[in-house]
Amino acid sequence: MKYIIVTGSAGFIGSCLVQELHEQGYNNIIGVDDFSKKEKLRNTSSKHYLEKISRTEFFSWMDTNNRDIQFIIHIGARTDTTETNWELLDELNLIYSQQIWDNCAVYEIPLIYASSAATYGAGEHGYSDRHDIVEKLKPLNLYGVSKNEFDKWALTQENEPPFWAGLKFFNVYGPNEYHKKRMASVIFHAFNQIVNEGKVKLFRSHNPDFRDGEQSRDFIYVKDILDVIIFLMKTQSYSGIYNLGTGHARSFLDLVKATFKAMNKEENIEFIDTPLDIRDKYQYFTEANMEKLKKAGYDKPFTSLEEGVHDYITNYLLKNEFY
């Protein structure tokens, strides 16, 4: 039996991916992560793994078992966008990913890895996943820098995995993000604010081009992320960097109104100043150009914001359930 490796398999997207793979009949999953973190235990407690491997022991395991690896999906990363320790980001998001890439190239293992829309910075170069703009991008935080540095590095490598895809995740939301705290999605925070305070606080706009609440993101439901990953794993069509959003930006007001509706609560929205520590790094608009993924053959419609919020809240948050 050949293995499918999922790094970051105890985290938000990784644990959802393990569940989806299992539901689609894949019983050959090896999970890689730091499984000692108690806050992530419920993400993995009901999942089916052939084996769980510590992140620090993965490369020695890979050297021994490389002939039995069918595919690697590298989701694991330090994902805190407020992280200021570059050495930590360099080690976990850049050097670790480079070693996975190099091993995949040597052992001829196809690879999908997680990049991020944080690489686009303020969007001055647009949101196209063309390779020729990667070098020009100026992320607004060190997390985005670490992801872009890996994308830049990958595009310069002569030795490549037989197939590879770097996925620039836009604003992902959905079940299994309970542990993410400040870094959880706006929907998660909005839900909890409504439960605890009966209202939602949104950041006031500090940009004259945007009214309060009209700041917009390309919000994508995690179940759509899973569908795309499995599509690329199966088809291995064209190697390269791909955007992964819906292609349609929606405002935070739209999101919050959908949250109140899914909870059957009356709207109550308060605007507060954006914290100073993130104000100069704040993105006011993101929207993925999705043409490349469509050209690769992916034609499944993406979940609308209203549909995704309703499913997330009614089937997971209100029930404290996991995917």
Protein backbone atom coordinates (compact mmCIF):
# COMPACT_ATOMS: atom_id res chain seq x y z
CA MET A 1 0.00 0.00 0.00
CA LYS A 2 1.29 3.45 -0.94
CA TYR A 3 0.87 6.29 1.54
CA ILE A 4 -0.66 9.75 1.29
CA ILE A 5 1.18 12.10 3.64
CA VAL A 6 -0.67 15.08 5.15
CA THR A 7 1.52 17.48 7.11
CA GLY A 8 -0.23 19.79 9.52
CA SER A 9 -2.79 17.03 9.89
CA ALA A 10 -3.80 18.07 13.41
CA GLY A 11 -4.56 21.63 12.32
CA PHE A 12 -7.60 23.28 10.76
CA ILE A 13 -7.32 22.48 7.05
CA GLY A 14 -5.14 19.40 7.52
CA SER A 15 -7.56 17.61 9.86
CA CYS A 16 -10.49 18.38 7.55
CA LEU A 17 -8.48 17.00 4.64
CA VAL A 18 -7.74 13.76 6.51
CA GLN A 19 -11.47 13.30 7.14
CA GLU A 20 -12.42 14.05 3.53
CA LEU A 21 -9.79 11.67 2.15
CA HIS A 22 -11.05 8.93 4.42
CA GLU A 23 -14.67 9.56 3.39
CA GLN A 24 -13.60 9.24 -0.24
CA GLY A 25 -12.12 5.84 0.41
CA TYR A 26 -8.47 6.65 1.07
CA ASN A 27 -7.34 4.46 3.96
CA ASN A 28 -3.62 5.02 3.44
CA ILE A 29 -3.10 8.33 5.29
CA ILE A 30 -0.01 9.15 7.32
CA GLY A 31 -0.39 12.23 9.54
CA VAL A 32 2.56 14.51 10.28
CA ASP A 33 2.32 17.19 12.98
CA ASP A 34 3.12 18.02 16.59
CA PHE A 35 0.48 15.77 18.10
CA SER A 36 1.32 16.79 21.67
CA LYS A 37 -0.77 19.98 21.56
CA LYS A 38 -3.87 19.43 23.70
CA GLU A 39 -5.89 22.15 21.99
CA LYS A 40 -5.82 20.13 18.75
CA LEU A 41 -6.74 16.74 20.21
CA ARG A 42 -10.39 16.87 19.14
CA ASN A 43 -9.31 17.63 15.56
CA THR A 44 -7.66 14.21 15.37
CA SER A 45 -9.50 12.03 17.91
CA SER A 46 -11.99 10.60 15.39
CA LYS A 47 -9.65 10.52 12.39
CA HIS A 48 -8.25 7.38 10.76
CA TYR A 49 -4.47 7.34 10.28
CA LEU A 50 -2.23 4.45 9.39
CA GLU A 51 0.37 6.21 11.48
CA LYS A 52 1.03 9.54 13.21
CA ILE A 53 4.54 10.93 12.85
CA SER A 54 6.08 13.82 14.72
CA ARG A 55 7.09 16.75 12.52
CA THR A 56 10.66 16.49 13.84
CA GLU A 57 10.94 12.80 12.92
CA PHE A 58 9.32 13.02 9.48
CA PHE A 59 12.46 13.32 7.35
CA SER A 60 14.17 10.29 8.85
CA TRP A 61 10.91 8.35 8.38
CA MET A 62 10.73 9.58 4.80
CA ASP A 63 14.27 8.44 4.03
CA THR A 64 13.29 4.93 5.10
CA ASN A 65 9.82 4.79 3.53
CA ASN A 66 10.10 6.98 0.43
CA ARG A 67 9.34 4.13 -2.01
CA ASP A 68 5.96 3.67 -0.34
CA ILE A 69 4.83 7.31 -0.59
CA GLN A 70 2.18 8.04 -3.23
CA PHE A 71 1.70 11.78 -2.58
CA ILE A 72 2.59 14.51 -0.08
CA ILE A 73 0.16 17.29 0.83
CA HIS A 74 2.13 19.81 2.87
CA ILE A 75 -0.30 21.96 4.85
CA GLY A 76 1.76 22.34 8.04
CA ALA A 77 3.12 25.80 8.80
CA ARG A 78 3.39 28.54 11.38
CA THR A 79 0.23 30.43 10.33
CA ASP A 80 0.12 33.32 12.82
CA THR A 81 0.05 36.48 10.69
CA THR A 82 1.18 38.54 13.71
CA GLU A 83 4.31 36.44 14.30
CA THR A 84 7.42 38.66 14.59
CA ASN A 85 10.04 35.93 15.10
CA TRP A 86 11.57 35.58 11.65
CA GLU A 87 13.88 32.75 12.72
CA LEU A 88 10.83 30.65 13.66
CA LEU A 89 9.04 31.42 10.37
CA ASP A 90 12.23 30.77 8.42
CA GLU A 91 12.65 27.37 10.09
CA LEU A 92 9.02 26.16 9.88
CA ASN A 93 7.71 27.81 6.71
CA LEU A 94 10.78 28.06 4.51
CA ILE A 95 13.56 25.63 5.44
CA TYR A 96 11.19 22.78 6.37
CA SER A 97 9.25 23.23 3.12
CA GLN A 98 12.46 23.34 1.09
CA GLN A 99 13.53 20.02 2.58
CA ILE A 100 10.16 18.46 1.71
CA TRP A 101 10.49 19.78 -1.86
CA ASP A 102 14.05 18.49 -2.24
CA ASN A 103 13.07 15.05 -0.95
CA CYS A 104 10.08 14.93 -3.29
CA ALA A 105 12.33 15.83 -6.21
CA VAL A 106 14.90 13.14 -5.33
CA TYR A 107 12.35 10.44 -4.52
CA GLU A 108 10.00 11.46 -7.37
CA ILE A 109 6.97 12.08 -5.15
CA PRO A 110 4.26 14.52 -6.30
CA LEU A 111 3.67 17.45 -3.93
CA ILE A 112 0.94 19.93 -3.08
CA TYR A 113 1.88 22.66 -0.60
CA ALA A 114 0.05 25.52 1.07
CA SER A 115 1.00 29.05 0.08
CA SER A 116 -1.15 32.05 1.02
CA ALA A 117 -2.94 35.09 -0.33
CA ALA A 118 -0.96 37.00 2.32
CA THR A 119 1.81 36.99 -0.29
CA TYR A 120 -0.13 39.63 -2.29
CA GLY A 121 0.31 42.34 0.32
CA ALA A 122 -1.79 45.42 -0.39
CA GLY A 123 -2.63 44.09 -3.84
CA GLU A 124 -0.64 46.68 -5.77
CA HIS A 125 0.26 43.98 -8.32
CA GLY A 126 -3.23 42.51 -8.42
CA TYR A 127 -4.27 39.01 -7.42
CA SER A 128 -3.17 36.96 -10.42
CA ASP A 129 -1.29 33.69 -9.81
CA ARG A 130 1.04 34.36 -12.76
CA HIS A 131 4.56 33.26 -11.93
CA ASP A 132 6.16 36.41 -13.31
CA ILE A 133 4.76 38.64 -10.53
CA VAL A 134 5.86 36.48 -7.58
CA GLU A 135 9.24 38.20 -7.37
CA LYS A 136 7.56 41.63 -7.24
CA LEU A 137 5.11 40.92 -4.41
CA LYS A 138 5.46 42.79 -1.11
CA PRO A 139 3.63 40.99 1.72
CA LEU A 140 2.48 43.10 4.66
CA ASN A 141 3.60 40.71 7.40
CA LEU A 142 6.41 38.25 8.05
CA TYR A 143 4.10 35.25 7.64
CA GLY A 144 3.32 36.43 4.10
CA VAL A 145 7.02 37.03 3.49
CA SER A 146 7.86 33.46 4.54
CA LYS A 147 5.25 32.03 2.16
CA ASN A 148 6.35 34.23 -0.72
CA GLU A 149 10.01 33.42 -0.16
CA PHE A 150 9.20 29.75 -0.59
CA ASP A 151 7.16 30.41 -3.74
CA LYS A 152 10.08 32.41 -5.16
CA TRP A 153 12.51 29.67 -4.27
CA ALA A 154 10.33 26.92 -5.76
CA LEU A 155 10.08 28.73 -9.08
CA THR A 156 13.88 28.83 -9.41
CA GLN A 157 14.50 25.13 -8.80
CA GLU A 158 15.86 22.96 -11.59
CA ASN A 159 15.05 19.79 -9.66
CA GLU A 160 11.31 19.49 -9.13
CA PRO A 161 8.83 16.88 -7.92
CA PRO A 162 7.18 15.05 -10.85
CA PHE A 163 4.10 17.19 -10.18
CA TRP A 164 3.78 20.10 -7.80
CA ALA A 165 1.17 22.72 -6.93
CA GLY A 166 1.47 25.64 -4.53
CA LEU A 167 -1.98 26.78 -3.39
CA LYS A 168 -2.49 30.40 -2.39
CA PHE A 169 -5.28 30.02 0.15
CA PHE A 170 -7.42 33.12 0.49
CA ASN A 171 -9.65 33.59 3.58
CA VAL A 172 -10.52 30.05 4.62
CA TYR A 173 -13.26 29.37 7.16
CA GLY A 174 -14.99 26.27 8.43
CA PRO A 175 -15.00 23.52 11.07
CA ASN A 176 -11.96 22.44 13.11
CA GLU A 177 -10.59 25.94 13.68
CA TYR A 178 -11.58 26.07 17.37
CA HIS A 179 -7.90 26.00 18.44
CA LYS A 180 -6.79 28.95 16.30
CA LYS A 181 -7.89 31.65 18.79
CA ARG A 182 -7.02 35.09 17.40
CA MET A 183 -6.16 33.59 13.99
CA ALA A 184 -9.55 31.89 13.58
CA SER A 185 -11.88 33.15 10.85
CA VAL A 186 -14.06 36.24 11.24
CA ILE A 187 -17.11 33.96 11.12
CA PHE A 188 -15.85 32.01 14.14
CA HIS A 189 -15.28 35.24 16.08
CA ALA A 190 -18.59 36.75 14.95
CA PHE A 191 -20.46 33.64 16.10
CA ASN A 192 -18.86 33.76 19.55
CA GLN A 193 -19.44 37.50 19.91
CA ILE A 194 -23.13 37.01 19.14
CA VAL A 195 -23.36 34.16 21.66
CA ASN A 196 -21.54 36.10 24.40
CA GLU A 197 -22.51 39.73 23.73
CA GLY A 198 -25.44 39.68 21.31
CA LYS A 199 -23.50 41.82 18.84
CA VAL A 200 -20.54 41.77 16.45
CA LYS A 201 -17.64 44.22 16.46
CA LEU A 202 -16.15 45.03 13.07
CA PHE A 203 -13.08 47.10 12.32
CA ARG A 204 -13.76 50.65 11.27
CA SER A 205 -12.26 51.61 7.91
CA HIS A 206 -9.15 53.78 8.06
CA ASN A 207 -9.04 54.00 4.28
CA PRO A 208 -11.15 56.73 2.61
CA ASP A 209 -11.85 54.44 -0.35
CA PHE A 210 -13.80 52.01 1.85
CA ARG A 211 -16.80 52.61 4.08
CA ASP A 212 -16.99 50.91 7.47
CA GLY A 213 -17.69 47.21 6.98
CA GLU A 214 -17.13 47.34 3.23
CA GLN A 215 -13.60 45.99 3.55
CA SER A 216 -13.73 42.85 1.40
CA ARG A 217 -12.09 39.45 1.23
CA ASP A 218 -12.34 36.38 -0.92
CA PHE A 219 -13.84 34.04 1.70
CA ILE A 220 -13.63 30.35 0.80
CA TYR A 221 -15.25 27.46 2.65
CA VAL A 222 -12.79 24.79 3.76
CA LYS A 223 -14.81 22.06 2.01
CA ASP A 224 -14.05 23.75 -1.33
CA ILE A 225 -10.35 23.73 -0.43
CA LEU A 226 -10.55 19.97 0.11
CA ASP A 227 -12.27 19.42 -3.24
CA VAL A 228 -9.55 21.31 -5.10
CA ILE A 229 -6.70 19.53 -3.33
CA ILE A 230 -8.14 16.11 -4.13
CA PHE A 231 -8.83 17.18 -7.74
CA LEU A 232 -5.19 18.21 -8.22
CA MET A 233 -3.95 15.08 -6.49
CA LYS A 234 -5.97 12.92 -8.88
CA THR A 235 -5.36 14.83 -12.12
CA GLN A 236 -1.80 16.20 -11.63
CA SER A 237 -2.50 18.36 -14.65
CA TYR A 238 -0.15 21.36 -14.66
CA SER A 239 2.53 22.09 -12.10
CA GLY A 240 2.64 25.62 -10.72
CA ILE A 241 1.25 28.11 -8.24
CA TYR A 242 -2.55 28.34 -8.08
CA ASN A 243 -4.88 30.80 -6.40
CA LEU A 244 -7.47 29.15 -4.20
CA GLY A 245 -10.37 31.47 -3.47
CA THR A 246 -13.83 31.74 -4.98
CA GLY A 247 -13.00 34.56 -7.38
CA HIS A 248 -15.61 36.82 -5.73
CA ALA A 249 -14.79 39.28 -2.94
CA ARG A 250 -17.46 39.80 -0.29
CA SER A 251 -17.65 42.44 2.43
CA PHE A 252 -17.39 41.86 6.15
CA LEU A 253 -20.90 43.29 6.43
CA ASP A 254 -22.14 40.54 4.10
CA LEU A 255 -20.39 37.97 6.24
CA VAL A 256 -21.79 39.23 9.54
CA LYS A 257 -25.32 39.54 8.17
CA ALA A 258 -25.10 35.92 6.98
CA THR A 259 -23.91 34.92 10.47
CA PHE A 260 -26.83 36.62 12.23
CA LYS A 261 -29.24 35.00 9.75
CA ALA A 262 -27.80 31.51 10.24
CA MET A 263 -28.19 31.97 14.01
CA ASN A 264 -31.72 33.42 13.68
CA LYS A 265 -30.61 36.52 15.57
CA GLU A 266 -31.36 40.19 15.02
CA GLU A 267 -28.47 42.17 13.49
CA ASN A 268 -26.44 44.23 15.97
CA ILE A 269 -23.14 45.56 14.59
CA GLU A 270 -20.65 47.90 16.28
CA PHE A 271 -17.60 49.43 14.61
CA ILE A 272 -14.30 49.71 16.47
CA ASP A 273 -10.88 51.08 15.49
CA THR A 274 -8.50 48.63 13.82
CA PRO A 275 -5.73 47.82 16.35
CA LEU A 276 -2.61 49.88 15.79
CA ASP A 277 -0.35 46.81 15.67
CA ILE A 278 -2.04 45.56 12.48
CA ARG A 279 -3.42 48.79 10.99
CA ASP A 280 -0.52 49.37 8.60
CA LYS A 281 -0.59 45.69 7.57
CA TYR A 282 -4.32 45.48 6.96
CA GLN A 283 -5.65 44.31 3.59
CA TYR A 284 -8.80 46.16 2.48
CA PHE A 285 -9.55 44.02 -0.55
CA THR A 286 -8.59 40.58 -1.83
CA GLU A 287 -10.07 38.66 -4.74
CA ALA A 288 -8.53 35.62 -6.37
CA ASN A 289 -8.12 35.40 -10.11
CA MET A 290 -9.22 31.79 -10.65
CA GLU A 291 -8.58 31.37 -14.39
CA LYS A 292 -5.55 29.10 -14.01
CA LEU A 293 -7.41 26.52 -11.92
CA LYS A 294 -10.30 26.58 -14.40
CA LYS A 295 -7.87 25.98 -17.27
CA ALA A 296 -6.50 23.01 -15.35
CA GLY A 297 -9.98 21.50 -15.59
CA TYR A 298 -11.58 22.36 -12.24
CA ASP A 299 -15.17 23.36 -12.98
CA LYS A 300 -17.07 22.68 -9.75
CA PRO A 301 -18.91 25.79 -8.47
CA PHE A 302 -17.63 27.24 -5.21
CA THR A 303 -19.88 27.45 -2.15
CA SER A 304 -21.48 30.88 -1.76
CA LEU A 305 -20.70 32.84 1.41
CA GLU A 306 -24.28 32.49 2.61
CA GLU A 307 -24.34 28.72 2.01
CA GLY A 308 -20.95 28.19 3.64
CA VAL A 309 -21.75 30.27 6.70
CA HIS A 310 -25.09 28.48 7.14
CA ASP A 311 -23.49 25.02 6.93
CA TYR A 312 -20.61 25.97 9.24
CA ILE A 313 -22.82 27.49 11.91
CA THR A 314 -25.79 25.10 11.88
CA ASN A 315 -23.85 21.85 11.51
CA TYR A 316 -20.69 22.62 13.48
CA LEU A 317 -20.53 25.75 15.65
CA LEU A 318 -24.02 25.49 17.15
CA LYS A 319 -23.41 21.80 17.90
CA ASN A 320 -19.72 22.16 18.87
CA GLU A 321 -19.01 19.50 16.26
CA PHE A 322 -15.88 18.70 14.27
CA TYR A 323 -15.43 17.63 10.66
